[in-house]
Amino acid sequence: MTLFTIGEKEHELKITYKSVKHLEGLFEGGSLGFIEAAMSGSLTTFSHVIHAALFHTGENYSLAQVDAAIETAFDSGLVDLTYIYNTINEVVLDSFFFAKVVRNLKAKNPEAFKQMNEILTTNGSSETDGGSSD
């Protein structure tokens, strides 16, 4: 279960029929266009995913409220590309609605997906990059 905090509330992120319908309308190519955008890990796509994954709460959060929460988390060092990648994978690409198509895409080009996964899921950092591994 993936959680996201907006304001003082923590919510489960969940893709529903309404979420999918909304997301596929935002991207050229419908659901397949959305899958491609989701796999890119862009902040804009991430904002739309979080927004749509909160529809089920009934809180009616605006995209601006979601963006503000993401910006706060970003500025606090809680949202980075690895977080975005993992969240999109857990919430969207591994969801029952998208999972079969994503598995087929991965089967067509397994080496590319393996390399992307290795890059984005590495927990450590080198001494030359100035980062820490905590």
C-alpha atoms as a PDB file:
ATOM      1  CA  MET A   1       0.000   0.000   0.000  1.00  0.00           C
ATOM      2  CA  THR A   2       1.446   3.336  -1.067  1.00  0.00           C
ATOM      3  CA  LEU A   3       0.651   6.382   1.034  1.00  0.00           C
ATOM      4  CA  PHE A   4       0.854  10.099   0.297  1.00  0.00           C
ATOM      5  CA  THR A   5       0.512  12.988   2.718  1.00  0.00           C
ATOM      6  CA  ILE A   6      -1.391  16.079   1.692  1.00  0.00           C
ATOM      7  CA  GLY A   7      -1.891  18.701   4.342  1.00  0.00           C
ATOM      8  CA  GLU A   8      -2.210  16.888   7.640  1.00  0.00           C
ATOM      9  CA  LYS A   9      -3.786  13.781   6.131  1.00  0.00           C
ATOM     10  CA  GLU A  10      -2.120  10.626   4.911  1.00  0.00           C
ATOM     11  CA  HIS A  11      -4.011   8.751   2.200  1.00  0.00           C
ATOM     12  CA  GLU A  12      -3.623   5.471   0.385  1.00  0.00           C
ATOM     13  CA  LEU A  13      -2.976   6.006  -3.318  1.00  0.00           C
ATOM     14  CA  LYS A  14      -5.361   3.927  -5.364  1.00  0.00           C
ATOM     15  CA  ILE A  15      -6.184   3.766  -9.060  1.00  0.00           C
ATOM     16  CA  THR A  16      -9.900   3.487  -9.768  1.00  0.00           C
ATOM     17  CA  TYR A  17     -12.046   3.537 -12.896  1.00  0.00           C
ATOM     18  CA  LYS A  18     -12.482   7.306 -12.501  1.00  0.00           C
ATOM     19  CA  SER A  19      -8.699   7.703 -12.103  1.00  0.00           C
ATOM     20  CA  VAL A  20      -7.877   5.732 -15.248  1.00  0.00           C
ATOM     21  CA  LYS A  21     -10.503   7.565 -17.281  1.00  0.00           C
ATOM     22  CA  HIS A  22      -9.090  10.907 -16.129  1.00  0.00           C
ATOM     23  CA  LEU A  23      -5.452   9.947 -16.743  1.00  0.00           C
ATOM     24  CA  GLU A  24      -5.976   8.477 -20.196  1.00  0.00           C
ATOM     25  CA  GLY A  25      -7.726  11.702 -21.221  1.00  0.00           C
ATOM     26  CA  LEU A  26      -4.635  13.732 -20.353  1.00  0.00           C
ATOM     27  CA  PHE A  27      -2.222  11.966 -22.678  1.00  0.00           C
ATOM     28  CA  GLU A  28      -2.167  11.504 -26.430  1.00  0.00           C
ATOM     29  CA  GLY A  29      -2.716   7.839 -27.175  1.00  0.00           C
ATOM     30  CA  GLY A  30      -5.071   7.167 -24.254  1.00  0.00           C
ATOM     31  CA  SER A  31      -3.978   4.481 -21.820  1.00  0.00           C
ATOM     32  CA  LEU A  32      -0.928   3.461 -23.866  1.00  0.00           C
ATOM     33  CA  GLY A  33       0.201   7.087 -24.092  1.00  0.00           C
ATOM     34  CA  PHE A  34      -0.285   7.396 -20.366  1.00  0.00           C
ATOM     35  CA  ILE A  35       1.782   4.248 -19.690  1.00  0.00           C
ATOM     36  CA  GLU A  36       4.620   5.722 -21.735  1.00  0.00           C
ATOM     37  CA  ALA A  37       4.416   9.020 -19.837  1.00  0.00           C
ATOM     38  CA  ALA A  38       4.216   7.218 -16.487  1.00  0.00           C
ATOM     39  CA  MET A  39       7.334   5.231 -17.267  1.00  0.00           C
ATOM     40  CA  SER A  40       9.220   8.454 -18.045  1.00  0.00           C
ATOM     41  CA  GLY A  41       9.053   9.566 -14.411  1.00  0.00           C
ATOM     42  CA  SER A  42       8.296  13.218 -15.150  1.00  0.00           C
ATOM     43  CA  LEU A  43       7.164  15.467 -12.310  1.00  0.00           C
ATOM     44  CA  THR A  44       4.140  16.571 -14.331  1.00  0.00           C
ATOM     45  CA  THR A  45       2.982  12.999 -14.881  1.00  0.00           C
ATOM     46  CA  PHE A  46       3.712  12.199 -11.229  1.00  0.00           C
ATOM     47  CA  SER A  47       1.478  15.113 -10.123  1.00  0.00           C
ATOM     48  CA  HIS A  48      -1.353  13.824 -12.293  1.00  0.00           C
ATOM     49  CA  VAL A  49      -0.917  10.278 -10.951  1.00  0.00           C
ATOM     50  CA  ILE A  50      -1.028  11.414  -7.318  1.00  0.00           C
ATOM     51  CA  HIS A  51      -4.020  13.647  -8.043  1.00  0.00           C
ATOM     52  CA  ALA A  52      -5.954  10.837  -9.754  1.00  0.00           C
ATOM     53  CA  ALA A  53      -4.917   8.270  -7.134  1.00  0.00           C
ATOM     54  CA  LEU A  54      -6.561  10.461  -4.480  1.00  0.00           C
ATOM     55  CA  PHE A  55      -9.969  10.580  -6.206  1.00  0.00           C
ATOM     56  CA  HIS A  56     -11.197   7.621  -4.162  1.00  0.00           C
ATOM     57  CA  THR A  57     -10.790   9.614  -0.927  1.00  0.00           C
ATOM     58  CA  GLY A  58     -13.698  11.909  -1.739  1.00  0.00           C
ATOM     59  CA  GLU A  59     -11.606  14.864  -0.550  1.00  0.00           C
ATOM     60  CA  ASN A  60     -11.723  16.537  -3.995  1.00  0.00           C
ATOM     61  CA  TYR A  61      -8.130  17.724  -3.852  1.00  0.00           C
ATOM     62  CA  SER A  62      -7.236  20.093  -6.665  1.00  0.00           C
ATOM     63  CA  LEU A  63      -4.180  19.527  -8.824  1.00  0.00           C
ATOM     64  CA  ALA A  64      -2.753  22.745  -7.315  1.00  0.00           C
ATOM     65  CA  GLN A  65      -3.088  21.271  -3.796  1.00  0.00           C
ATOM     66  CA  VAL A  66      -1.373  18.086  -4.922  1.00  0.00           C
ATOM     67  CA  ASP A  67       1.419  20.063  -6.609  1.00  0.00           C
ATOM     68  CA  ALA A  68       1.938  22.084  -3.419  1.00  0.00           C
ATOM     69  CA  ALA A  69       2.214  18.884  -1.352  1.00  0.00           C
ATOM     70  CA  ILE A  70       4.677  17.386  -3.841  1.00  0.00           C
ATOM     71  CA  GLU A  71       6.722  20.594  -3.863  1.00  0.00           C
ATOM     72  CA  THR A  72       6.901  20.559  -0.062  1.00  0.00           C
ATOM     73  CA  ALA A  73       8.017  16.920  -0.076  1.00  0.00           C
ATOM     74  CA  PHE A  74      10.492  17.664  -2.902  1.00  0.00           C
ATOM     75  CA  ASP A  75      11.978  20.632  -1.038  1.00  0.00           C
ATOM     76  CA  SER A  76      12.282  18.473   2.083  1.00  0.00           C
ATOM     77  CA  GLY A  77      14.197  15.836   0.142  1.00  0.00           C
ATOM     78  CA  LEU A  78      11.412  13.255   0.367  1.00  0.00           C
ATOM     79  CA  VAL A  79      10.549  13.132  -3.342  1.00  0.00           C
ATOM     80  CA  ASP A  80      13.287  12.286  -5.791  1.00  0.00           C
ATOM     81  CA  LEU A  81      13.323  10.402  -9.084  1.00  0.00           C
ATOM     82  CA  THR A  82      13.615   7.049  -7.312  1.00  0.00           C
ATOM     83  CA  TYR A  83      10.562   7.861  -5.167  1.00  0.00           C
ATOM     84  CA  ILE A  84       8.627   8.899  -8.272  1.00  0.00           C
ATOM     85  CA  TYR A  85       9.645   5.732 -10.130  1.00  0.00           C
ATOM     86  CA  ASN A  86       8.732   3.458  -7.227  1.00  0.00           C
ATOM     87  CA  THR A  87       5.429   5.205  -6.544  1.00  0.00           C
ATOM     88  CA  ILE A  88       4.326   5.162 -10.173  1.00  0.00           C
ATOM     89  CA  ASN A  89       5.270   1.496 -10.434  1.00  0.00           C
ATOM     90  CA  GLU A  90       3.403   0.507  -7.280  1.00  0.00           C
ATOM     91  CA  VAL A  91       0.320   2.635  -7.847  1.00  0.00           C
ATOM     92  CA  VAL A  92      -0.114   2.526 -11.603  1.00  0.00           C
ATOM     93  CA  LEU A  93       2.061   0.144 -13.568  1.00  0.00           C
ATOM     94  CA  ASP A  94       1.561  -2.758 -11.159  1.00  0.00           C
ATOM     95  CA  SER A  95      -2.181  -2.091 -10.808  1.00  0.00           C
ATOM     96  CA  PHE A  96      -4.544  -4.740 -12.118  1.00  0.00           C
ATOM     97  CA  PHE A  97      -5.668  -2.467 -14.962  1.00  0.00           C
ATOM     98  CA  PHE A  98      -2.207  -1.748 -16.421  1.00  0.00           C
ATOM     99  CA  ALA A  99      -0.096  -4.711 -15.240  1.00  0.00           C
ATOM    100  CA  LYS A 100      -0.650  -7.085 -18.183  1.00  0.00           C
ATOM    101  CA  VAL A 101       0.251  -4.484 -20.788  1.00  0.00           C
ATOM    102  CA  VAL A 102       3.300  -3.351 -18.819  1.00  0.00           C
ATOM    103  CA  ARG A 103       4.441  -6.995 -18.472  1.00  0.00           C
ATOM    104  CA  ASN A 104       4.108  -7.384 -22.241  1.00  0.00           C
ATOM    105  CA  LEU A 105       6.132  -4.219 -22.851  1.00  0.00           C
ATOM    106  CA  LYS A 106       8.823  -5.481 -20.487  1.00  0.00           C
ATOM    107  CA  ALA A 107       8.860  -8.867 -22.238  1.00  0.00           C
ATOM    108  CA  LYS A 108       9.473  -7.156 -25.586  1.00  0.00           C
ATOM    109  CA  ASN A 109      12.523  -5.288 -24.285  1.00  0.00           C
ATOM    110  CA  PRO A 110      13.657  -6.922 -21.035  1.00  0.00           C
ATOM    111  CA  GLU A 111      17.212  -5.564 -21.091  1.00  0.00           C
ATOM    112  CA  ALA A 112      16.076  -1.920 -21.237  1.00  0.00           C
ATOM    113  CA  PHE A 113      13.698  -2.434 -18.316  1.00  0.00           C
ATOM    114  CA  LYS A 114      16.342  -4.309 -16.345  1.00  0.00           C
ATOM    115  CA  GLN A 115      18.836  -1.477 -16.798  1.00  0.00           C
ATOM    116  CA  MET A 116      16.276   1.199 -15.917  1.00  0.00           C
ATOM    117  CA  ASN A 117      15.226  -0.727 -12.819  1.00  0.00           C
ATOM    118  CA  GLU A 118      18.854  -1.192 -11.725  1.00  0.00           C
ATOM    119  CA  ILE A 119      19.602   2.500 -12.148  1.00  0.00           C
ATOM    120  CA  LEU A 120      16.507   3.722 -10.331  1.00  0.00           C
ATOM    121  CA  THR A 121      16.488   1.225  -7.470  1.00  0.00           C
ATOM    122  CA  THR A 122      20.140   1.469  -6.413  1.00  0.00           C
ATOM    123  CA  ASN A 123      20.243   2.380  -2.725  1.00  0.00           C
ATOM    124  CA  GLY A 124      23.904   3.306  -2.352  1.00  0.00           C
ATOM    125  CA  SER A 125      25.941   6.129  -3.784  1.00  0.00           C
ATOM    126  CA  SER A 126      29.551   6.505  -4.741  1.00  0.00           C
ATOM    127  CA  GLU A 127      32.105   8.636  -2.954  1.00  0.00           C
ATOM    128  CA  THR A 128      32.454  10.836  -6.029  1.00  0.00           C
ATOM    129  CA  ASP A 129      28.813  11.830  -6.302  1.00  0.00           C
ATOM    130  CA  GLY A 130      28.682  13.663  -2.997  1.00  0.00           C
ATOM    131  CA  GLY A 131      25.656  11.711  -1.882  1.00  0.00           C
ATOM    132  CA  SER A 132      25.080   9.611   1.178  1.00  0.00           C
ATOM    133  CA  SER A 133      23.642   6.171   1.381  1.00  0.00           C
ATOM    134  CA  ASP A 134      21.333   6.671   4.333  1.00  0.00           C
END
